[in-house]
Amino acid sequence: MSRNLLRKTSYFKRDERGVQLVELAIVLPLLVVLFAAGAEFGRYFYEYTTLAKGARVAVRYLATAKASGDDDASAKNLVVYGNLAGTGSPIVNGLTTANVNIVRRNSTGGVITGGIPKTVTIQIINFRYTPIFDLGGLTRSSATLDIDVRPSVTMRYLLTQPPI
């Protein structure tokens, strides 16, 4: 009986059917996690660069505009909607004009509220990236991509003379 069992086990040693399926079962979870991580990092950088481009356009608008409070609302609309009127859908889901902060500074770096500033800065504040895949759940860890997206753009104010 042991001889018969030995013959059967030696047959299984030589038989390679199903080995690919076992290898796939070992490698597939790792590939899924790598795919999900790559997709999430790609989405995060897309969202960050989209917000940075919107902030760059708006700060360029403010740097060439006269210093008035009316321009702030238009600049915030440029960041959020991509147009001065504030119509349409936001360029990034969940972004509002409350997430846009405008800071004007004088030549010594102090924040000013009146007069002609030296620099204009637009910051995206209190805006969180929301991932599609829960990488912490996939890897059974506390890793998460639910993080702040905070691009900031500063330009020199181009009008150095007071308006006439």
Foldseek 3Di string as FASTA:
>chain_A
DVVVVVVVVVVVVPDCPCVVVVVCVVCVLVVVLVVQVVVQVVVLVVVLVLLQVLQVVLQVVQLADADDPLSLQQSLLCNFPVGSVNDDHGPDPPDDSVQKDKFFAAPVGDTDDDDAGFKIKIKGPPDWDDGPDASCVSVVHPDGRRGDRIDMDMDTRPDPDHDD
